[in-house]
Amino acid sequence: MSKYEPLWEYLKFQKKDNYTLSYSEIKNILGFDIDHSFLSYKKELKEYGYEVSKISMKEKIVIFKKI
């Protein structure tokens, strides 16, 4: 099980085509801040019907896109 599994499960049940989460919202879901390893783990997300569309370090958001 991936450490990002709770986030993937959360997104799996969303109905939107694009879903934006702030870093703090992601921390609330996971219980920890995302770190550089997120870039490696994000490929797992395709199994849940989403992909990472954009990561904005300036705005502190991640945009997920339904595939």
PDB file of N, CA and C in Angstrom:
ATOM      1  N   MET A   1       0.842  -1.185   0.000  1.00  0.00           N
ATOM      2  CA  MET A   1       0.000   0.000   0.000  1.00  0.00           C
ATOM      3  C   MET A   1       0.890   1.253   0.000  1.00  0.00           C
ATOM      4  N   SER A   2       0.569   2.152  -0.852  1.00  0.00           N
ATOM      5  CA  SER A   2       1.299   3.407  -0.983  1.00  0.00           C
ATOM      6  C   SER A   2       0.946   4.352   0.163  1.00  0.00           C
ATOM      7  N   LYS A   3       1.893   5.194   0.536  1.00  0.00           N
ATOM      8  CA  LYS A   3       1.594   6.174   1.573  1.00  0.00           C
ATOM      9  C   LYS A   3       0.589   7.214   1.089  1.00  0.00           C
ATOM     10  N   TYR A   4       0.379   7.291  -0.222  1.00  0.00           N
ATOM     11  CA  TYR A   4      -0.584   8.235  -0.796  1.00  0.00           C
ATOM     12  C   TYR A   4      -1.948   7.598  -1.080  1.00  0.00           C
ATOM     13  N   GLU A   5      -2.111   6.360  -0.709  1.00  0.00           N
ATOM     14  CA  GLU A   5      -3.365   5.634  -0.934  1.00  0.00           C
ATOM     15  C   GLU A   5      -4.606   6.378  -0.421  1.00  0.00           C
ATOM     16  N   PRO A   6      -4.589   6.971   0.780  1.00  0.00           N
ATOM     17  CA  PRO A   6      -5.782   7.703   1.231  1.00  0.00           C
ATOM     18  C   PRO A   6      -6.181   8.845   0.287  1.00  0.00           C
ATOM     19  N   LEU A   7      -5.200   9.515  -0.296  1.00  0.00           N
ATOM     20  CA  LEU A   7      -5.487  10.591  -1.247  1.00  0.00           C
ATOM     21  C   LEU A   7      -6.066  10.024  -2.534  1.00  0.00           C
ATOM     22  N   TRP A   8      -5.500   8.933  -3.027  1.00  0.00           N
ATOM     23  CA  TRP A   8      -6.014   8.309  -4.255  1.00  0.00           C
ATOM     24  C   TRP A   8      -7.451   7.844  -4.044  1.00  0.00           C
ATOM     25  N   GLU A   9      -7.730   7.245  -2.906  1.00  0.00           N
ATOM     26  CA  GLU A   9      -9.091   6.783  -2.605  1.00  0.00           C
ATOM     27  C   GLU A   9     -10.063   7.964  -2.524  1.00  0.00           C
ATOM     28  N   TYR A  10      -9.632   9.048  -1.927  1.00  0.00           N
ATOM     29  CA  TYR A  10     -10.457  10.253  -1.836  1.00  0.00           C
ATOM     30  C   TYR A  10     -10.825  10.738  -3.239  1.00  0.00           C
ATOM     31  N   LEU A  11      -9.844  10.811  -4.115  1.00  0.00           N
ATOM     32  CA  LEU A  11     -10.090  11.303  -5.475  1.00  0.00           C
ATOM     33  C   LEU A  11     -10.953  10.348  -6.289  1.00  0.00           C
ATOM     34  N   LYS A  12     -10.802   9.078  -6.039  1.00  0.00           N
ATOM     35  CA  LYS A  12     -11.545   8.055  -6.783  1.00  0.00           C
ATOM     36  C   LYS A  12     -13.053   8.286  -6.723  1.00  0.00           C
ATOM     37  N   PHE A  13     -13.527   8.844  -5.622  1.00  0.00           N
ATOM     38  CA  PHE A  13     -14.964   9.020  -5.435  1.00  0.00           C
ATOM     39  C   PHE A  13     -15.461  10.426  -5.770  1.00  0.00           C
ATOM     40  N   GLN A  14     -14.604  11.241  -6.346  1.00  0.00           N
ATOM     41  CA  GLN A  14     -15.015  12.590  -6.757  1.00  0.00           C
ATOM     42  C   GLN A  14     -15.699  12.524  -8.121  1.00  0.00           C
ATOM     43  N   LYS A  15     -16.626  13.409  -8.351  1.00  0.00           N
ATOM     44  CA  LYS A  15     -17.404  13.406  -9.586  1.00  0.00           C
ATOM     45  C   LYS A  15     -16.942  14.450 -10.596  1.00  0.00           C
ATOM     46  N   LYS A  16     -16.029  15.334 -10.192  1.00  0.00           N
ATOM     47  CA  LYS A  16     -15.589  16.419 -11.066  1.00  0.00           C
ATOM     48  C   LYS A  16     -14.548  15.934 -12.074  1.00  0.00           C
ATOM     49  N   ASP A  17     -14.511  16.602 -13.240  1.00  0.00           N
ATOM     50  CA  ASP A  17     -13.493  16.295 -14.240  1.00  0.00           C
ATOM     51  C   ASP A  17     -12.128  16.842 -13.835  1.00  0.00           C
ATOM     52  N   ASN A  18     -12.126  17.989 -13.183  1.00  0.00           N
ATOM     53  CA  ASN A  18     -10.903  18.591 -12.653  1.00  0.00           C
ATOM     54  C   ASN A  18     -11.123  18.869 -11.178  1.00  0.00           C
ATOM     55  N   TYR A  19     -10.146  18.544 -10.383  1.00  0.00           N
ATOM     56  CA  TYR A  19     -10.284  18.695  -8.951  1.00  0.00           C
ATOM     57  C   TYR A  19      -9.026  19.358  -8.409  1.00  0.00           C
ATOM     58  N   THR A  20      -9.182  20.481  -7.730  1.00  0.00           N
ATOM     59  CA  THR A  20      -8.046  21.219  -7.176  1.00  0.00           C
ATOM     60  C   THR A  20      -8.026  21.074  -5.664  1.00  0.00           C
ATOM     61  N   LEU A  21      -6.875  20.685  -5.150  1.00  0.00           N
ATOM     62  CA  LEU A  21      -6.686  20.584  -3.710  1.00  0.00           C
ATOM     63  C   LEU A  21      -5.472  21.410  -3.318  1.00  0.00           C
ATOM     64  N   SER A  22      -5.602  22.136  -2.225  1.00  0.00           N
ATOM     65  CA  SER A  22      -4.463  22.879  -1.695  1.00  0.00           C
ATOM     66  C   SER A  22      -3.553  21.900  -0.952  1.00  0.00           C
ATOM     67  N   TYR A  23      -2.339  22.322  -0.729  1.00  0.00           N
ATOM     68  CA  TYR A  23      -1.412  21.491   0.034  1.00  0.00           C
ATOM     69  C   TYR A  23      -1.985  21.187   1.417  1.00  0.00           C
ATOM     70  N   SER A  24      -2.651  22.164   2.032  1.00  0.00           N
ATOM     71  CA  SER A  24      -3.209  21.936   3.374  1.00  0.00           C
ATOM     72  C   SER A  24      -4.372  20.946   3.337  1.00  0.00           C
ATOM     73  N   GLU A  25      -5.184  20.978   2.286  1.00  0.00           N
ATOM     74  CA  GLU A  25      -6.269  19.989   2.151  1.00  0.00           C
ATOM     75  C   GLU A  25      -5.685  18.591   1.977  1.00  0.00           C
ATOM     76  N   ILE A  26      -4.630  18.496   1.200  1.00  0.00           N
ATOM     77  CA  ILE A  26      -3.971  17.202   1.011  1.00  0.00           C
ATOM     78  C   ILE A  26      -3.401  16.716   2.344  1.00  0.00           C
ATOM     79  N   LYS A  27      -2.808  17.619   3.107  1.00  0.00           N
ATOM     80  CA  LYS A  27      -2.276  17.245   4.424  1.00  0.00           C
ATOM     81  C   LYS A  27      -3.388  16.738   5.335  1.00  0.00           C
ATOM     82  N   ASN A  28      -4.564  17.364   5.284  1.00  0.00           N
ATOM     83  CA  ASN A  28      -5.694  16.905   6.099  1.00  0.00           C
ATOM     84  C   ASN A  28      -6.123  15.496   5.716  1.00  0.00           C
ATOM     85  N   ILE A  29      -6.080  15.174   4.425  1.00  0.00           N
ATOM     86  CA  ILE A  29      -6.467  13.852   3.955  1.00  0.00           C
ATOM     87  C   ILE A  29      -5.424  12.806   4.346  1.00  0.00           C
ATOM     88  N   LEU A  30      -4.155  13.144   4.157  1.00  0.00           N
ATOM     89  CA  LEU A  30      -3.067  12.188   4.378  1.00  0.00           C
ATOM     90  C   LEU A  30      -2.554  12.135   5.807  1.00  0.00           C
ATOM     91  N   GLY A  31      -2.598  13.277   6.481  1.00  0.00           N
ATOM     92  CA  GLY A  31      -2.007  13.344   7.814  1.00  0.00           C
ATOM     93  C   GLY A  31      -0.548  13.779   7.781  1.00  0.00           C
ATOM     94  N   PHE A  32      -0.045  14.116   6.616  1.00  0.00           N
ATOM     95  CA  PHE A  32       1.331  14.607   6.478  1.00  0.00           C
ATOM     96  C   PHE A  32       1.419  15.473   5.224  1.00  0.00           C
ATOM     97  N   ASP A  33       2.462  16.298   5.163  1.00  0.00           N
ATOM     98  CA  ASP A  33       2.690  17.145   3.995  1.00  0.00           C
ATOM     99  C   ASP A  33       3.200  16.312   2.827  1.00  0.00           C
ATOM    100  N   ILE A  34       2.814  16.692   1.615  1.00  0.00           N
ATOM    101  CA  ILE A  34       3.408  16.032   0.457  1.00  0.00           C
ATOM    102  C   ILE A  34       4.854  16.489   0.337  1.00  0.00           C
ATOM    103  N   ASP A  35       5.686  15.603  -0.177  1.00  0.00           N
ATOM    104  CA  ASP A  35       7.088  15.932  -0.344  1.00  0.00           C
ATOM    105  C   ASP A  35       7.524  15.560  -1.767  1.00  0.00           C
ATOM    106  N   HIS A  36       8.806  15.595  -2.007  1.00  0.00           N
ATOM    107  CA  HIS A  36       9.334  15.328  -3.345  1.00  0.00           C
ATOM    108  C   HIS A  36       8.944  13.928  -3.854  1.00  0.00           C
ATOM    109  N   SER A  37       8.735  12.985  -2.951  1.00  0.00           N
ATOM    110  CA  SER A  37       8.367  11.624  -3.364  1.00  0.00           C
ATOM    111  C   SER A  37       7.016  11.584  -4.077  1.00  0.00           C
ATOM    112  N   PHE A  38       6.205  12.624  -3.872  1.00  0.00           N
ATOM    113  CA  PHE A  38       4.906  12.696  -4.542  1.00  0.00           C
ATOM    114  C   PHE A  38       5.070  12.571  -6.053  1.00  0.00           C
ATOM    115  N   LEU A  39       6.157  13.117  -6.581  1.00  0.00           N
ATOM    116  CA  LEU A  39       6.404  13.060  -8.025  1.00  0.00           C
ATOM    117  C   LEU A  39       6.559  11.628  -8.507  1.00  0.00           C
ATOM    118  N   SER A  40       7.127  10.764  -7.699  1.00  0.00           N
ATOM    119  CA  SER A  40       7.275   9.354  -8.059  1.00  0.00           C
ATOM    120  C   SER A  40       5.969   8.586  -7.892  1.00  0.00           C
ATOM    121  N   TYR A  41       5.259   8.880  -6.824  1.00  0.00           N
ATOM    122  CA  TYR A  41       4.027   8.152  -6.512  1.00  0.00           C
ATOM    123  C   TYR A  41       2.838   8.557  -7.369  1.00  0.00           C
ATOM    124  N   LYS A  42       2.875   9.730  -7.974  1.00  0.00           N
ATOM    125  CA  LYS A  42       1.700  10.225  -8.704  1.00  0.00           C
ATOM    126  C   LYS A  42       1.294   9.326  -9.859  1.00  0.00           C
ATOM    127  N   LYS A  43       2.196   8.501 -10.367  1.00  0.00           N
ATOM    128  CA  LYS A  43       1.851   7.588 -11.458  1.00  0.00           C
ATOM    129  C   LYS A  43       0.829   6.535 -11.015  1.00  0.00           C
ATOM    130  N   GLU A  44       0.761   6.243  -9.714  1.00  0.00           N
ATOM    131  CA  GLU A  44      -0.223   5.293  -9.188  1.00  0.00           C
ATOM    132  C   GLU A  44      -1.653   5.791  -9.369  1.00  0.00           C
ATOM    133  N   LEU A  45      -1.815   7.082  -9.467  1.00  0.00           N
ATOM    134  CA  LEU A  45      -3.130   7.709  -9.514  1.00  0.00           C
ATOM    135  C   LEU A  45      -3.946   7.284 -10.725  1.00  0.00           C
ATOM    136  N   LYS A  46      -3.293   6.926 -11.813  1.00  0.00           N
ATOM    137  CA  LYS A  46      -4.019   6.514 -13.029  1.00  0.00           C
ATOM    138  C   LYS A  46      -4.909   5.307 -12.777  1.00  0.00           C
ATOM    139  N   GLU A  47      -4.514   4.452 -11.844  1.00  0.00           N
ATOM    140  CA  GLU A  47      -5.335   3.289 -11.487  1.00  0.00           C
ATOM    141  C   GLU A  47      -6.657   3.702 -10.852  1.00  0.00           C
ATOM    142  N   TYR A  48      -6.744   4.942 -10.395  1.00  0.00           N
ATOM    143  CA  TYR A  48      -7.930   5.448  -9.722  1.00  0.00           C
ATOM    144  C   TYR A  48      -8.732   6.416 -10.589  1.00  0.00           C
ATOM    145  N   GLY A  49      -8.315   6.548 -11.851  1.00  0.00           N
ATOM    146  CA  GLY A  49      -9.088   7.352 -12.783  1.00  0.00           C
ATOM    147  C   GLY A  49      -8.716   8.812 -12.883  1.00  0.00           C
ATOM    148  N   TYR A  50      -7.614   9.200 -12.272  1.00  0.00           N
ATOM    149  CA  TYR A  50      -7.152  10.587 -12.321  1.00  0.00           C
ATOM    150  C   TYR A  50      -5.680  10.636 -12.692  1.00  0.00           C
ATOM    151  N   GLU A  51      -5.247  11.823 -13.083  1.00  0.00           N
ATOM    152  CA  GLU A  51      -3.829  12.102 -13.254  1.00  0.00           C
ATOM    153  C   GLU A  51      -3.555  13.502 -12.713  1.00  0.00           C
ATOM    154  N   VAL A  52      -2.297  13.771 -12.412  1.00  0.00           N
ATOM    155  CA  VAL A  52      -1.922  15.102 -11.938  1.00  0.00           C
ATOM    156  C   VAL A  52      -1.766  15.996 -13.160  1.00  0.00           C
ATOM    157  N   SER A  53      -2.565  17.043 -13.206  1.00  0.00           N
ATOM    158  CA  SER A  53      -2.537  17.982 -14.319  1.00  0.00           C
ATOM    159  C   SER A  53      -1.517  19.083 -14.075  1.00  0.00           C
ATOM    160  N   LYS A  54      -1.436  19.557 -12.808  1.00  0.00           N
ATOM    161  CA  LYS A  54      -0.532  20.658 -12.490  1.00  0.00           C
ATOM    162  C   LYS A  54      -0.192  20.638 -11.012  1.00  0.00           C
ATOM    163  N   ILE A  55       1.053  20.951 -10.723  1.00  0.00           N
ATOM    164  CA  ILE A  55       1.493  21.171  -9.351  1.00  0.00           C
ATOM    165  C   ILE A  55       2.034  22.586  -9.305  1.00  0.00           C
ATOM    166  N   SER A  56       1.428  23.427  -8.489  1.00  0.00           N
ATOM    167  CA  SER A  56       1.887  24.809  -8.366  1.00  0.00           C
ATOM    168  C   SER A  56       2.473  25.024  -6.981  1.00  0.00           C
ATOM    169  N   MET A  57       3.787  25.153  -6.938  1.00  0.00           N
ATOM    170  CA  MET A  57       4.448  25.401  -5.661  1.00  0.00           C
ATOM    171  C   MET A  57       4.180  26.819  -5.189  1.00  0.00           C
ATOM    172  N   LYS A  58       3.991  27.735  -6.128  1.00  0.00           N
ATOM    173  CA  LYS A  58       3.714  29.133  -5.775  1.00  0.00           C
ATOM    174  C   LYS A  58       2.338  29.263  -5.122  1.00  0.00           C
ATOM    175  N   GLU A  59       1.319  28.655  -5.752  1.00  0.00           N
ATOM    176  CA  GLU A  59      -0.051  28.723  -5.226  1.00  0.00           C
ATOM    177  C   GLU A  59      -0.322  27.657  -4.174  1.00  0.00           C
ATOM    178  N   LYS A  60       0.577  26.694  -4.064  1.00  0.00           N
ATOM    179  CA  LYS A  60       0.450  25.579  -3.125  1.00  0.00           C
ATOM    180  C   LYS A  60      -0.818  24.772  -3.384  1.00  0.00           C
ATOM    181  N   ILE A  61      -0.991  24.388  -4.660  1.00  0.00           N
ATOM    182  CA  ILE A  61      -2.136  23.563  -5.046  1.00  0.00           C
ATOM    183  C   ILE A  61      -1.675  22.438  -5.984  1.00  0.00           C
ATOM    184  N   VAL A  62      -2.503  21.407  -6.053  1.00  0.00           N
ATOM    185  CA  VAL A  62      -2.336  20.349  -7.024  1.00  0.00           C
ATOM    186  C   VAL A  62      -3.655  20.218  -7.747  1.00  0.00           C
ATOM    187  N   ILE A  63      -3.598  20.207  -9.083  1.00  0.00           N
ATOM    188  CA  ILE A  63      -4.811  20.047  -9.889  1.00  0.00           C
ATOM    189  C   ILE A  63      -4.799  18.634 -10.452  1.00  0.00           C
ATOM    190  N   PHE A  64      -5.890  17.922 -10.208  1.00  0.00           N
ATOM    191  CA  PHE A  64      -6.050  16.549 -10.672  1.00  0.00           C
ATOM    192  C   PHE A  64      -7.071  16.562 -11.808  1.00  0.00           C
ATOM    193  N   LYS A  65      -6.848  15.736 -12.806  1.00  0.00           N
ATOM    194  CA  LYS A  65      -7.722  15.663 -13.976  1.00  0.00           C
ATOM    195  C   LYS A  65      -8.223  14.228 -14.149  1.00  0.00           C
ATOM    196  N   LYS A  66      -9.535  14.100 -14.325  1.00  0.00           N
ATOM    197  CA  LYS A  66     -10.123  12.785 -14.554  1.00  0.00           C
ATOM    198  C   LYS A  66      -9.712  12.276 -15.931  1.00  0.00           C
ATOM    199  N   ILE A  67      -9.342  11.002 -16.016  1.00  0.00           N
ATOM    200  CA  ILE A  67      -8.967  10.423 -17.309  1.00  0.00           C
ATOM    201  C   ILE A  67      -9.968   9.395 -17.776  1.00  0.00           C
TER     202      ILE A  67
END
